[in-house]
PDB file of N, CA and C in Angstrom:
ATOM      1  N   MET A   1       6.163 -72.721 -47.749  1.00  0.00           N
ATOM      2  CA  MET A   1       7.424 -72.191 -48.278  1.00  0.00           C
ATOM      3  C   MET A   1       7.396 -70.668 -48.239  1.00  0.00           C
ATOM      4  N   SER A   2       8.505 -70.055 -47.866  1.00  0.00           N
ATOM      5  CA  SER A   2       8.515 -68.606 -47.729  1.00  0.00           C
ATOM      6  C   SER A   2       8.569 -67.933 -49.099  1.00  0.00           C
ATOM      7  N   LYS A   3       7.952 -66.777 -49.168  1.00  0.00           N
ATOM      8  CA  LYS A   3       7.910 -66.005 -50.418  1.00  0.00           C
ATOM      9  C   LYS A   3       9.225 -65.272 -50.624  1.00  0.00           C
ATOM     10  N   SER A   4       9.593 -65.089 -51.889  1.00  0.00           N
ATOM     11  CA  SER A   4      10.786 -64.300 -52.204  1.00  0.00           C
ATOM     12  C   SER A   4      10.350 -62.930 -52.704  1.00  0.00           C
ATOM     13  N   VAL A   5      11.096 -61.916 -52.283  1.00  0.00           N
ATOM     14  CA  VAL A   5      10.719 -60.530 -52.566  1.00  0.00           C
ATOM     15  C   VAL A   5      11.953 -59.731 -52.960  1.00  0.00           C
ATOM     16  N   ILE A   6      11.765 -58.761 -53.887  1.00  0.00           N
ATOM     17  CA  ILE A   6      12.775 -57.729 -54.083  1.00  0.00           C
ATOM     18  C   ILE A   6      12.153 -56.407 -53.625  1.00  0.00           C
ATOM     19  N   VAL A   7      12.972 -55.573 -52.981  1.00  0.00           N
ATOM     20  CA  VAL A   7      12.519 -54.298 -52.426  1.00  0.00           C
ATOM     21  C   VAL A   7      13.219 -53.175 -53.180  1.00  0.00           C
ATOM     22  N   ILE A   8      12.404 -52.292 -53.799  1.00  0.00           N
ATOM     23  CA  ILE A   8      12.953 -51.207 -54.605  1.00  0.00           C
ATOM     24  C   ILE A   8      12.406 -49.872 -54.112  1.00  0.00           C
ATOM     25  N   ASP A   9      13.304 -48.995 -53.674  1.00  0.00           N
ATOM     26  CA  ASP A   9      12.911 -47.657 -53.221  1.00  0.00           C
ATOM     27  C   ASP A   9      14.157 -46.782 -53.286  1.00  0.00           C
ATOM     28  N   ASP A  10      14.010 -45.524 -53.669  1.00  0.00           N
ATOM     29  CA  ASP A  10      15.196 -44.668 -53.764  1.00  0.00           C
ATOM     30  C   ASP A  10      15.715 -44.233 -52.398  1.00  0.00           C
ATOM     31  N   ASP A  11      14.951 -44.492 -51.339  1.00  0.00           N
ATOM     32  CA  ASP A  11      15.389 -44.173 -49.990  1.00  0.00           C
ATOM     33  C   ASP A  11      16.029 -45.414 -49.362  1.00  0.00           C
ATOM     34  N   GLU A  12      17.326 -45.335 -49.120  1.00  0.00           N
ATOM     35  CA  GLU A  12      18.064 -46.506 -48.629  1.00  0.00           C
ATOM     36  C   GLU A  12      17.570 -46.985 -47.261  1.00  0.00           C
ATOM     37  N   ASP A  13      17.178 -46.050 -46.389  1.00  0.00           N
ATOM     38  CA  ASP A  13      16.659 -46.434 -45.072  1.00  0.00           C
ATOM     39  C   ASP A  13      15.368 -47.238 -45.208  1.00  0.00           C
ATOM     40  N   THR A  14      14.506 -46.813 -46.126  1.00  0.00           N
ATOM     41  CA  THR A  14      13.252 -47.532 -46.356  1.00  0.00           C
ATOM     42  C   THR A  14      13.546 -48.959 -46.812  1.00  0.00           C
ATOM     43  N   VAL A  15      14.466 -49.107 -47.750  1.00  0.00           N
ATOM     44  CA  VAL A  15      14.832 -50.434 -48.263  1.00  0.00           C
ATOM     45  C   VAL A  15      15.371 -51.304 -47.128  1.00  0.00           C
ATOM     46  N   ARG A  16      16.262 -50.745 -46.311  1.00  0.00           N
ATOM     47  CA  ARG A  16      16.865 -51.504 -45.216  1.00  0.00           C
ATOM     48  C   ARG A  16      15.806 -51.926 -44.196  1.00  0.00           C
ATOM     49  N   LEU A  17      14.961 -50.979 -43.772  1.00  0.00           N
ATOM     50  CA  LEU A  17      13.928 -51.290 -42.786  1.00  0.00           C
ATOM     51  C   LEU A  17      12.933 -52.313 -43.313  1.00  0.00           C
ATOM     52  N   PHE A  18      12.507 -52.122 -44.557  1.00  0.00           N
ATOM     53  CA  PHE A  18      11.594 -53.067 -45.204  1.00  0.00           C
ATOM     54  C   PHE A  18      12.201 -54.457 -45.202  1.00  0.00           C
ATOM     55  N   SER A  19      13.428 -54.544 -45.662  1.00  0.00           N
ATOM     56  CA  SER A  19      14.104 -55.835 -45.797  1.00  0.00           C
ATOM     57  C   SER A  19      14.226 -56.535 -44.451  1.00  0.00           C
ATOM     58  N   GLU A  20      14.653 -55.789 -43.426  1.00  0.00           N
ATOM     59  CA  GLU A  20      14.797 -56.383 -42.097  1.00  0.00           C
ATOM     60  C   GLU A  20      13.453 -56.888 -41.575  1.00  0.00           C
ATOM     61  N   PHE A  21      12.416 -56.077 -41.738  1.00  0.00           N
ATOM     62  CA  PHE A  21      11.093 -56.456 -41.246  1.00  0.00           C
ATOM     63  C   PHE A  21      10.567 -57.694 -41.970  1.00  0.00           C
ATOM     64  N   LEU A  22      10.724 -57.731 -43.267  1.00  0.00           N
ATOM     65  CA  LEU A  22      10.239 -58.876 -44.051  1.00  0.00           C
ATOM     66  C   LEU A  22      10.973 -60.155 -43.645  1.00  0.00           C
ATOM     67  N   GLU A  23      12.293 -60.060 -43.487  1.00  0.00           N
ATOM     68  CA  GLU A  23      13.090 -61.224 -43.089  1.00  0.00           C
ATOM     69  C   GLU A  23      12.627 -61.751 -41.725  1.00  0.00           C
ATOM     70  N   GLU A  24      12.295 -60.822 -40.803  1.00  0.00           N
ATOM     71  CA  GLU A  24      11.812 -61.232 -39.476  1.00  0.00           C
ATOM     72  C   GLU A  24      10.494 -62.005 -39.568  1.00  0.00           C
ATOM     73  N   HIS A  25       9.758 -61.798 -40.659  1.00  0.00           N
ATOM     74  CA  HIS A  25       8.475 -62.475 -40.850  1.00  0.00           C
ATOM     75  C   HIS A  25       8.573 -63.603 -41.882  1.00  0.00           C
ATOM     76  N   ASP A  26       9.772 -64.199 -41.963  1.00  0.00           N
ATOM     77  CA  ASP A  26      10.010 -65.357 -42.843  1.00  0.00           C
ATOM     78  C   ASP A  26       9.702 -65.087 -44.306  1.00  0.00           C
ATOM     79  N   ILE A  27       9.958 -63.875 -44.740  1.00  0.00           N
ATOM     80  CA  ILE A  27       9.850 -63.549 -46.161  1.00  0.00           C
ATOM     81  C   ILE A  27      11.280 -63.325 -46.646  1.00  0.00           C
ATOM     82  N   ASN A  28      11.658 -64.035 -47.692  1.00  0.00           N
ATOM     83  CA  ASN A  28      13.021 -64.057 -48.175  1.00  0.00           C
ATOM     84  C   ASN A  28      13.290 -62.876 -49.118  1.00  0.00           C
ATOM     85  N   VAL A  29      14.049 -61.888 -48.642  1.00  0.00           N
ATOM     86  CA  VAL A  29      14.404 -60.738 -49.480  1.00  0.00           C
ATOM     87  C   VAL A  29      15.623 -61.132 -50.310  1.00  0.00           C
ATOM     88  N   ILE A  30      15.415 -61.266 -51.622  1.00  0.00           N
ATOM     89  CA  ILE A  30      16.481 -61.770 -52.485  1.00  0.00           C
ATOM     90  C   ILE A  30      17.149 -60.673 -53.314  1.00  0.00           C
ATOM     91  N   GLY A  31      16.694 -59.431 -53.107  1.00  0.00           N
ATOM     92  CA  GLY A  31      17.340 -58.336 -53.818  1.00  0.00           C
ATOM     93  C   GLY A  31      16.831 -56.987 -53.366  1.00  0.00           C
ATOM     94  N   ASN A  32      17.723 -55.985 -53.458  1.00  0.00           N
ATOM     95  CA  ASN A  32      17.380 -54.600 -53.142  1.00  0.00           C
ATOM     96  C   ASN A  32      17.845 -53.709 -54.277  1.00  0.00           C
ATOM     97  N   GLY A  33      17.072 -52.661 -54.545  1.00  0.00           N
ATOM     98  CA  GLY A  33      17.479 -51.700 -55.558  1.00  0.00           C
ATOM     99  C   GLY A  33      16.942 -50.331 -55.220  1.00  0.00           C
ATOM    100  N   PHE A  34      17.478 -49.330 -55.919  1.00  0.00           N
ATOM    101  CA  PHE A  34      17.148 -47.951 -55.592  1.00  0.00           C
ATOM    102  C   PHE A  34      16.616 -47.156 -56.778  1.00  0.00           C
ATOM    103  N   ASP A  35      16.333 -47.835 -57.900  1.00  0.00           N
ATOM    104  CA  ASP A  35      15.764 -47.153 -59.061  1.00  0.00           C
ATOM    105  C   ASP A  35      15.065 -48.162 -59.978  1.00  0.00           C
ATOM    106  N   GLY A  36      14.315 -47.647 -60.938  1.00  0.00           N
ATOM    107  CA  GLY A  36      13.525 -48.499 -61.825  1.00  0.00           C
ATOM    108  C   GLY A  36      14.350 -49.410 -62.718  1.00  0.00           C
ATOM    109  N   VAL A  37      15.468 -48.912 -63.207  1.00  0.00           N
ATOM    110  CA  VAL A  37      16.318 -49.717 -64.085  1.00  0.00           C
ATOM    111  C   VAL A  37      16.851 -50.936 -63.327  1.00  0.00           C
ATOM    112  N   THR A  38      17.304 -50.723 -62.104  1.00  0.00           N
ATOM    113  CA  THR A  38      17.797 -51.820 -61.264  1.00  0.00           C
ATOM    114  C   THR A  38      16.674 -52.807 -60.950  1.00  0.00           C
ATOM    115  N   ALA A  39      15.459 -52.280 -60.745  1.00  0.00           N
ATOM    116  CA  ALA A  39      14.308 -53.149 -60.447  1.00  0.00           C
ATOM    117  C   ALA A  39      14.102 -54.170 -61.562  1.00  0.00           C
ATOM    118  N   VAL A  40      14.146 -53.708 -62.799  1.00  0.00           N
ATOM    119  CA  VAL A  40      13.937 -54.602 -63.952  1.00  0.00           C
ATOM    120  C   VAL A  40      15.063 -55.622 -64.030  1.00  0.00           C
ATOM    121  N   LYS A  41      16.298 -55.168 -63.853  1.00  0.00           N
ATOM    122  CA  LYS A  41      17.461 -56.058 -63.897  1.00  0.00           C
ATOM    123  C   LYS A  41      17.352 -57.137 -62.810  1.00  0.00           C
ATOM    124  N   LEU A  42      17.021 -56.708 -61.572  1.00  0.00           N
ATOM    125  CA  LEU A  42      16.886 -57.660 -60.463  1.00  0.00           C
ATOM    126  C   LEU A  42      15.750 -58.654 -60.709  1.00  0.00           C
ATOM    127  N   PHE A  43      14.653 -58.172 -61.274  1.00  0.00           N
ATOM    128  CA  PHE A  43      13.523 -59.054 -61.558  1.00  0.00           C
ATOM    129  C   PHE A  43      13.949 -60.152 -62.523  1.00  0.00           C
ATOM    130  N   LYS A  44      14.660 -59.772 -63.576  1.00  0.00           N
ATOM    131  CA  LYS A  44      15.139 -60.757 -64.566  1.00  0.00           C
ATOM    132  C   LYS A  44      16.073 -61.773 -63.920  1.00  0.00           C
ATOM    133  N   GLU A  45      16.975 -61.285 -63.058  1.00  0.00           N
ATOM    134  CA  GLU A  45      17.987 -62.158 -62.454  1.00  0.00           C
ATOM    135  C   GLU A  45      17.417 -63.081 -61.377  1.00  0.00           C
ATOM    136  N   THR A  46      16.490 -62.573 -60.549  1.00  0.00           N
ATOM    137  CA  THR A  46      16.078 -63.316 -59.363  1.00  0.00           C
ATOM    138  C   THR A  46      14.710 -63.986 -59.461  1.00  0.00           C
ATOM    139  N   LYS A  47      13.861 -63.526 -60.373  1.00  0.00           N
ATOM    140  CA  LYS A  47      12.495 -64.061 -60.533  1.00  0.00           C
ATOM    141  C   LYS A  47      11.769 -64.192 -59.178  1.00  0.00           C
ATOM    142  N   PRO A  48      11.575 -63.063 -58.482  1.00  0.00           N
ATOM    143  CA  PRO A  48      10.944 -63.110 -57.156  1.00  0.00           C
ATOM    144  C   PRO A  48       9.448 -63.415 -57.232  1.00  0.00           C
ATOM    145  N   ASP A  49       8.882 -63.850 -56.101  1.00  0.00           N
ATOM    146  CA  ASP A  49       7.427 -64.044 -56.025  1.00  0.00           C
ATOM    147  C   ASP A  49       6.711 -62.703 -56.030  1.00  0.00           C
ATOM    148  N   VAL A  50       7.328 -61.695 -55.380  1.00  0.00           N
ATOM    149  CA  VAL A  50       6.699 -60.385 -55.226  1.00  0.00           C
ATOM    150  C   VAL A  50       7.744 -59.282 -55.405  1.00  0.00           C
ATOM    151  N   VAL A  51       7.315 -58.180 -56.051  1.00  0.00           N
ATOM    152  CA  VAL A  51       8.143 -56.983 -56.177  1.00  0.00           C
ATOM    153  C   VAL A  51       7.470 -55.869 -55.378  1.00  0.00           C
ATOM    154  N   LEU A  52       8.185 -55.318 -54.401  1.00  0.00           N
ATOM    155  CA  LEU A  52       7.715 -54.138 -53.661  1.00  0.00           C
ATOM    156  C   LEU A  52       8.427 -52.945 -54.269  1.00  0.00           C
ATOM    157  N   ILE A  53       7.678 -51.977 -54.807  1.00  0.00           N
ATOM    158  CA  ILE A  53       8.338 -50.902 -55.532  1.00  0.00           C
ATOM    159  C   ILE A  53       7.735 -49.534 -55.242  1.00  0.00           C
ATOM    160  N   ASP A  54       8.621 -48.574 -55.054  1.00  0.00           N
ATOM    161  CA  ASP A  54       8.234 -47.175 -54.927  1.00  0.00           C
ATOM    162  C   ASP A  54       7.950 -46.656 -56.344  1.00  0.00           C
ATOM    163  N   LEU A  55       7.172 -45.595 -56.458  1.00  0.00           N
ATOM    164  CA  LEU A  55       6.850 -45.083 -57.790  1.00  0.00           C
ATOM    165  C   LEU A  55       7.738 -43.921 -58.207  1.00  0.00           C
ATOM    166  N   ASN A  56       8.067 -43.041 -57.270  1.00  0.00           N
ATOM    167  CA  ASN A  56       8.842 -41.847 -57.613  1.00  0.00           C
ATOM    168  C   ASN A  56      10.311 -42.057 -57.299  1.00  0.00           C
ATOM    169  N   MET A  57      11.065 -42.420 -58.358  1.00  0.00           N
ATOM    170  CA  MET A  57      12.491 -42.694 -58.203  1.00  0.00           C
ATOM    171  C   MET A  57      13.238 -42.141 -59.404  1.00  0.00           C
ATOM    172  N   PRO A  58      14.529 -41.861 -59.230  1.00  0.00           N
ATOM    173  CA  PRO A  58      15.349 -41.449 -60.377  1.00  0.00           C
ATOM    174  C   PRO A  58      15.701 -42.673 -61.231  1.00  0.00           C
ATOM    175  N   ASN A  59      16.206 -42.416 -62.419  1.00  0.00           N
ATOM    176  CA  ASN A  59      16.720 -43.478 -63.288  1.00  0.00           C
ATOM    177  C   ASN A  59      15.698 -44.593 -63.522  1.00  0.00           C
ATOM    178  N   GLY A  60      14.535 -44.217 -64.013  1.00  0.00           N
ATOM    179  CA  GLY A  60      13.479 -45.188 -64.261  1.00  0.00           C
ATOM    180  C   GLY A  60      12.502 -45.203 -63.103  1.00  0.00           C
ATOM    181  N   SER A  61      11.348 -44.609 -63.303  1.00  0.00           N
ATOM    182  CA  SER A  61      10.343 -44.541 -62.241  1.00  0.00           C
ATOM    183  C   SER A  61       9.773 -45.926 -61.952  1.00  0.00           C
ATOM    184  N   GLY A  62       8.971 -45.998 -60.903  1.00  0.00           N
ATOM    185  CA  GLY A  62       8.283 -47.243 -60.600  1.00  0.00           C
ATOM    186  C   GLY A  62       7.375 -47.669 -61.744  1.00  0.00           C
ATOM    187  N   PHE A  63       6.716 -46.697 -62.383  1.00  0.00           N
ATOM    188  CA  PHE A  63       5.840 -47.038 -63.514  1.00  0.00           C
ATOM    189  C   PHE A  63       6.638 -47.608 -64.684  1.00  0.00           C
ATOM    190  N   TYR A  64       7.818 -47.055 -64.926  1.00  0.00           N
ATOM    191  CA  TYR A  64       8.709 -47.590 -65.963  1.00  0.00           C
ATOM    192  C   TYR A  64       9.014 -49.059 -65.653  1.00  0.00           C
ATOM    193  N   ALA A  65       9.416 -49.314 -64.407  1.00  0.00           N
ATOM    194  CA  ALA A  65       9.796 -50.676 -64.005  1.00  0.00           C
ATOM    195  C   ALA A  65       8.602 -51.626 -64.075  1.00  0.00           C
ATOM    196  N   ILE A  66       7.439 -51.180 -63.609  1.00  0.00           N
ATOM    197  CA  ILE A  66       6.234 -52.021 -63.641  1.00  0.00           C
ATOM    198  C   ILE A  66       5.930 -52.456 -65.065  1.00  0.00           C
ATOM    199  N   LYS A  67       5.982 -51.506 -66.000  1.00  0.00           N
ATOM    200  CA  LYS A  67       5.686 -51.818 -67.410  1.00  0.00           C
ATOM    201  C   LYS A  67       6.681 -52.850 -67.938  1.00  0.00           C
ATOM    202  N   LYS A  68       7.967 -52.621 -67.697  1.00  0.00           N
ATOM    203  CA  LYS A  68       9.010 -53.543 -68.178  1.00  0.00           C
ATOM    204  C   LYS A  68       8.861 -54.932 -67.546  1.00  0.00           C
ATOM    205  N   ILE A  69       8.591 -54.967 -66.241  1.00  0.00           N
ATOM    206  CA  ILE A  69       8.436 -56.251 -65.541  1.00  0.00           C
ATOM    207  C   ILE A  69       7.209 -56.996 -66.075  1.00  0.00           C
ATOM    208  N   GLN A  70       6.127 -56.274 -66.310  1.00  0.00           N
ATOM    209  CA  GLN A  70       4.921 -56.922 -66.854  1.00  0.00           C
ATOM    210  C   GLN A  70       5.142 -57.399 -68.289  1.00  0.00           C
ATOM    211  N   ASP A  71       6.029 -56.735 -69.033  1.00  0.00           N
ATOM    212  CA  ASP A  71       6.384 -57.218 -70.382  1.00  0.00           C
ATOM    213  C   ASP A  71       7.122 -58.556 -70.267  1.00  0.00           C
ATOM    214  N   ILE A  72       7.971 -58.690 -69.260  1.00  0.00           N
ATOM    215  CA  ILE A  72       8.732 -59.927 -69.036  1.00  0.00           C
ATOM    216  C   ILE A  72       7.797 -61.030 -68.541  1.00  0.00           C
ATOM    217  N   ASN A  73       6.970 -60.688 -67.545  1.00  0.00           N
ATOM    218  CA  ASN A  73       6.036 -61.661 -66.972  1.00  0.00           C
ATOM    219  C   ASN A  73       4.718 -60.963 -66.630  1.00  0.00           C
ATOM    220  N   PRO A  74       3.701 -61.120 -67.494  1.00  0.00           N
ATOM    221  CA  PRO A  74       2.415 -60.451 -67.267  1.00  0.00           C
ATOM    222  C   PRO A  74       1.746 -60.845 -65.946  1.00  0.00           C
ATOM    223  N   LYS A  75       2.142 -61.963 -65.350  1.00  0.00           N
ATOM    224  CA  LYS A  75       1.539 -62.411 -64.095  1.00  0.00           C
ATOM    225  C   LYS A  75       2.367 -62.027 -62.869  1.00  0.00           C
ATOM    226  N   ALA A  76       3.415 -61.234 -63.058  1.00  0.00           N
ATOM    227  CA  ALA A  76       4.287 -60.831 -61.944  1.00  0.00           C
ATOM    228  C   ALA A  76       3.461 -60.143 -60.859  1.00  0.00           C
ATOM    229  N   ARG A  77       3.741 -60.510 -59.593  1.00  0.00           N
ATOM    230  CA  ARG A  77       3.060 -59.859 -58.453  1.00  0.00           C
ATOM    231  C   ARG A  77       3.868 -58.643 -58.050  1.00  0.00           C
ATOM    232  N   ILE A  78       3.265 -57.486 -58.222  1.00  0.00           N
ATOM    233  CA  ILE A  78       3.926 -56.225 -57.924  1.00  0.00           C
ATOM    234  C   ILE A  78       3.039 -55.449 -56.956  1.00  0.00           C
ATOM    235  N   ILE A  79       3.667 -54.864 -55.937  1.00  0.00           N
ATOM    236  CA  ILE A  79       2.946 -54.018 -54.992  1.00  0.00           C
ATOM    237  C   ILE A  79       3.622 -52.649 -55.002  1.00  0.00           C
ATOM    238  N   ALA A  80       2.843 -51.609 -55.302  1.00  0.00           N
ATOM    239  CA  ALA A  80       3.375 -50.250 -55.297  1.00  0.00           C
ATOM    240  C   ALA A  80       3.272 -49.685 -53.884  1.00  0.00           C
ATOM    241  N   VAL A  81       4.368 -49.096 -53.426  1.00  0.00           N
ATOM    242  CA  VAL A  81       4.409 -48.471 -52.105  1.00  0.00           C
ATOM    243  C   VAL A  81       4.834 -47.028 -52.332  1.00  0.00           C
ATOM    244  N   THR A  82       3.916 -46.083 -52.102  1.00  0.00           N
ATOM    245  CA  THR A  82       4.226 -44.695 -52.440  1.00  0.00           C
ATOM    246  C   THR A  82       3.508 -43.700 -51.542  1.00  0.00           C
ATOM    247  N   ALA A  83       4.061 -42.504 -51.491  1.00  0.00           N
ATOM    248  CA  ALA A  83       3.404 -41.405 -50.765  1.00  0.00           C
ATOM    249  C   ALA A  83       2.460 -40.664 -51.708  1.00  0.00           C
ATOM    250  N   ASP A  84       2.536 -40.981 -52.991  1.00  0.00           N
ATOM    251  CA  ASP A  84       1.697 -40.313 -53.996  1.00  0.00           C
ATOM    252  C   ASP A  84       0.317 -40.952 -54.021  1.00  0.00           C
ATOM    253  N   GLY A  85      -0.628 -40.318 -53.349  1.00  0.00           N
ATOM    254  CA  GLY A  85      -1.979 -40.864 -53.295  1.00  0.00           C
ATOM    255  C   GLY A  85      -2.932 -40.153 -54.241  1.00  0.00           C
ATOM    256  N   SER A  86      -2.382 -39.536 -55.288  1.00  0.00           N
ATOM    257  CA  SER A  86      -3.236 -38.791 -56.212  1.00  0.00           C
ATOM    258  C   SER A  86      -4.180 -39.730 -56.956  1.00  0.00           C
ATOM    259  N   PHE A  87      -5.297 -39.179 -57.387  1.00  0.00           N
ATOM    260  CA  PHE A  87      -6.283 -39.975 -58.109  1.00  0.00           C
ATOM    261  C   PHE A  87      -5.673 -40.538 -59.392  1.00  0.00           C
ATOM    262  N   ALA A  88      -4.874 -39.723 -60.083  1.00  0.00           N
ATOM    263  CA  ALA A  88      -4.246 -40.167 -61.339  1.00  0.00           C
ATOM    264  C   ALA A  88      -3.357 -41.390 -61.105  1.00  0.00           C
ATOM    265  N   THR A  89      -2.588 -41.363 -60.031  1.00  0.00           N
ATOM    266  CA  THR A  89      -1.714 -42.496 -59.710  1.00  0.00           C
ATOM    267  C   THR A  89      -2.542 -43.732 -59.386  1.00  0.00           C
ATOM    268  N   GLU A  90      -3.564 -43.555 -58.543  1.00  0.00           N
ATOM    269  CA  GLU A  90      -4.422 -44.692 -58.190  1.00  0.00           C
ATOM    270  C   GLU A  90      -5.075 -45.288 -59.432  1.00  0.00           C
ATOM    271  N   GLU A  91      -5.512 -44.418 -60.326  1.00  0.00           N
ATOM    272  CA  GLU A  91      -6.172 -44.870 -61.551  1.00  0.00           C
ATOM    273  C   GLU A  91      -5.209 -45.666 -62.444  1.00  0.00           C
ATOM    274  N   LYS A  92      -3.993 -45.149 -62.607  1.00  0.00           N
ATOM    275  CA  LYS A  92      -2.975 -45.836 -63.417  1.00  0.00           C
ATOM    276  C   LYS A  92      -2.686 -47.227 -62.859  1.00  0.00           C
ATOM    277  N   LEU A  93      -2.513 -47.294 -61.521  1.00  0.00           N
ATOM    278  CA  LEU A  93      -2.203 -48.577 -60.883  1.00  0.00           C
ATOM    279  C   LEU A  93      -3.363 -49.554 -61.019  1.00  0.00           C
ATOM    280  N   GLU A  94      -4.586 -49.037 -60.915  1.00  0.00           N
ATOM    281  CA  GLU A  94      -5.765 -49.894 -61.040  1.00  0.00           C
ATOM    282  C   GLU A  94      -5.815 -50.524 -62.434  1.00  0.00           C
ATOM    283  N   LYS A  95      -5.511 -49.721 -63.461  1.00  0.00           N
ATOM    284  CA  LYS A  95      -5.492 -50.237 -64.841  1.00  0.00           C
ATOM    285  C   LYS A  95      -4.434 -51.320 -65.013  1.00  0.00           C
ATOM    286  N   LEU A  96      -3.325 -51.190 -64.287  1.00  0.00           N
ATOM    287  CA  LEU A  96      -2.235 -52.165 -64.360  1.00  0.00           C
ATOM    288  C   LEU A  96      -2.466 -53.344 -63.418  1.00  0.00           C
ATOM    289  N   ASN A  97      -3.556 -53.277 -62.632  1.00  0.00           N
ATOM    290  CA  ASN A  97      -3.892 -54.317 -61.657  1.00  0.00           C
ATOM    291  C   ASN A  97      -2.807 -54.455 -60.573  1.00  0.00           C
ATOM    292  N   ILE A  98      -2.329 -53.309 -60.099  1.00  0.00           N
ATOM    293  CA  ILE A  98      -1.272 -53.264 -59.088  1.00  0.00           C
ATOM    294  C   ILE A  98      -1.864 -52.706 -57.795  1.00  0.00           C
ATOM    295  N   PRO A  99      -1.780 -53.467 -56.677  1.00  0.00           N
ATOM    296  CA  PRO A  99      -2.247 -52.906 -55.409  1.00  0.00           C
ATOM    297  C   PRO A  99      -1.348 -51.761 -54.954  1.00  0.00           C
ATOM    298  N   LEU A 100      -1.967 -50.789 -54.293  1.00  0.00           N
ATOM    299  CA  LEU A 100      -1.242 -49.616 -53.811  1.00  0.00           C
ATOM    300  C   LEU A 100      -1.255 -49.598 -52.291  1.00  0.00           C
ATOM    301  N   ILE A 101      -0.085 -49.396 -51.709  1.00  0.00           N
ATOM    302  CA  ILE A 101       0.012 -49.198 -50.268  1.00  0.00           C
ATOM    303  C   ILE A 101       0.572 -47.797 -50.065  1.00  0.00           C
ATOM    304  N   GLN A 102      -0.189 -46.993 -49.334  1.00  0.00           N
ATOM    305  CA  GLN A 102       0.202 -45.604 -49.077  1.00  0.00           C
ATOM    306  C   GLN A 102       1.261 -45.512 -47.997  1.00  0.00           C
ATOM    307  N   LYS A 103       2.250 -44.634 -48.200  1.00  0.00           N
ATOM    308  CA  LYS A 103       3.197 -44.287 -47.148  1.00  0.00           C
ATOM    309  C   LYS A 103       2.564 -43.165 -46.334  1.00  0.00           C
ATOM    310  N   PRO A 104       2.697 -43.086 -45.030  1.00  0.00           N
ATOM    311  CA  PRO A 104       3.289 -44.119 -44.185  1.00  0.00           C
ATOM    312  C   PRO A 104       2.353 -45.321 -44.112  1.00  0.00           C
ATOM    313  N   PHE A 105       2.916 -46.492 -44.080  1.00  0.00           N
ATOM    314  CA  PHE A 105       2.135 -47.725 -44.183  1.00  0.00           C
ATOM    315  C   PHE A 105       2.244 -48.542 -42.914  1.00  0.00           C
ATOM    316  N   LYS A 106       1.370 -49.518 -42.816  1.00  0.00           N
ATOM    317  CA  LYS A 106       1.419 -50.468 -41.714  1.00  0.00           C
ATOM    318  C   LYS A 106       2.089 -51.739 -42.241  1.00  0.00           C
ATOM    319  N   MET A 107       3.168 -52.164 -41.591  1.00  0.00           N
ATOM    320  CA  MET A 107       3.910 -53.331 -42.075  1.00  0.00           C
ATOM    321  C   MET A 107       3.048 -54.586 -42.073  1.00  0.00           C
ATOM    322  N   ASP A 108       2.126 -54.704 -41.123  1.00  0.00           N
ATOM    323  CA  ASP A 108       1.248 -55.875 -41.092  1.00  0.00           C
ATOM    324  C   ASP A 108       0.441 -56.004 -42.382  1.00  0.00           C
ATOM    325  N   GLN A 109       0.032 -54.861 -42.919  1.00  0.00           N
ATOM    326  CA  GLN A 109      -0.731 -54.842 -44.171  1.00  0.00           C
ATOM    327  C   GLN A 109       0.121 -55.414 -45.312  1.00  0.00           C
ATOM    328  N   ILE A 110       1.371 -55.038 -45.338  1.00  0.00           N
ATOM    329  CA  ILE A 110       2.272 -55.515 -46.402  1.00  0.00           C
ATOM    330  C   ILE A 110       2.524 -57.012 -46.258  1.00  0.00           C
ATOM    331  N   ILE A 111       2.778 -57.473 -45.043  1.00  0.00           N
ATOM    332  CA  ILE A 111       3.000 -58.905 -44.796  1.00  0.00           C
ATOM    333  C   ILE A 111       1.777 -59.698 -45.271  1.00  0.00           C
ATOM    334  N   SER A 112       0.599 -59.223 -44.933  1.00  0.00           N
ATOM    335  CA  SER A 112      -0.640 -59.896 -45.309  1.00  0.00           C
ATOM    336  C   SER A 112      -0.786 -59.994 -46.838  1.00  0.00           C
ATOM    337  N   ILE A 113      -0.499 -58.906 -47.533  1.00  0.00           N
ATOM    338  CA  ILE A 113      -0.622 -58.909 -48.997  1.00  0.00           C
ATOM    339  C   ILE A 113       0.407 -59.850 -49.625  1.00  0.00           C
ATOM    340  N   ILE A 114       1.631 -59.841 -49.125  1.00  0.00           N
ATOM    341  CA  ILE A 114       2.673 -60.710 -49.684  1.00  0.00           C
ATOM    342  C   ILE A 114       2.323 -62.187 -49.476  1.00  0.00           C
ATOM    343  N   LYS A 115       1.874 -62.526 -48.290  1.00  0.00           N
ATOM    344  CA  LYS A 115       1.637 -63.938 -47.965  1.00  0.00           C
ATOM    345  C   LYS A 115       0.362 -64.498 -48.605  1.00  0.00           C
ATOM    346  N   ASN A 116      -0.552 -63.640 -49.060  1.00  0.00           N
ATOM    347  CA  ASN A 116      -1.814 -64.128 -49.646  1.00  0.00           C
ATOM    348  C   ASN A 116      -1.856 -64.003 -51.146  1.00  0.00           C
TER     349      ASN A 116
END
């Protein structure tokens, strides 16, 4: 059965490209958003298998959304996709048990993480 995913990034082109690529690989994109507040709302509404989320966004950062989503479902599968490779960011994500994919990323890596 194909996995369901929501894609959240403040860059609309990134969201569109991500969504198209995932759909081509039989991953069902059930929602798109451009900020942290929308991410939480979409998570509640759609209950996806995986959340792909950028960290640096307006109107609720990725960290804001991750915390809220984990409050709703502590077992939620969330993957952070960001250009911020700072040690502090990596450390925060590690504590939250969230895998980090650095931008620019390899789409094959993302497909592999989602499907496993």
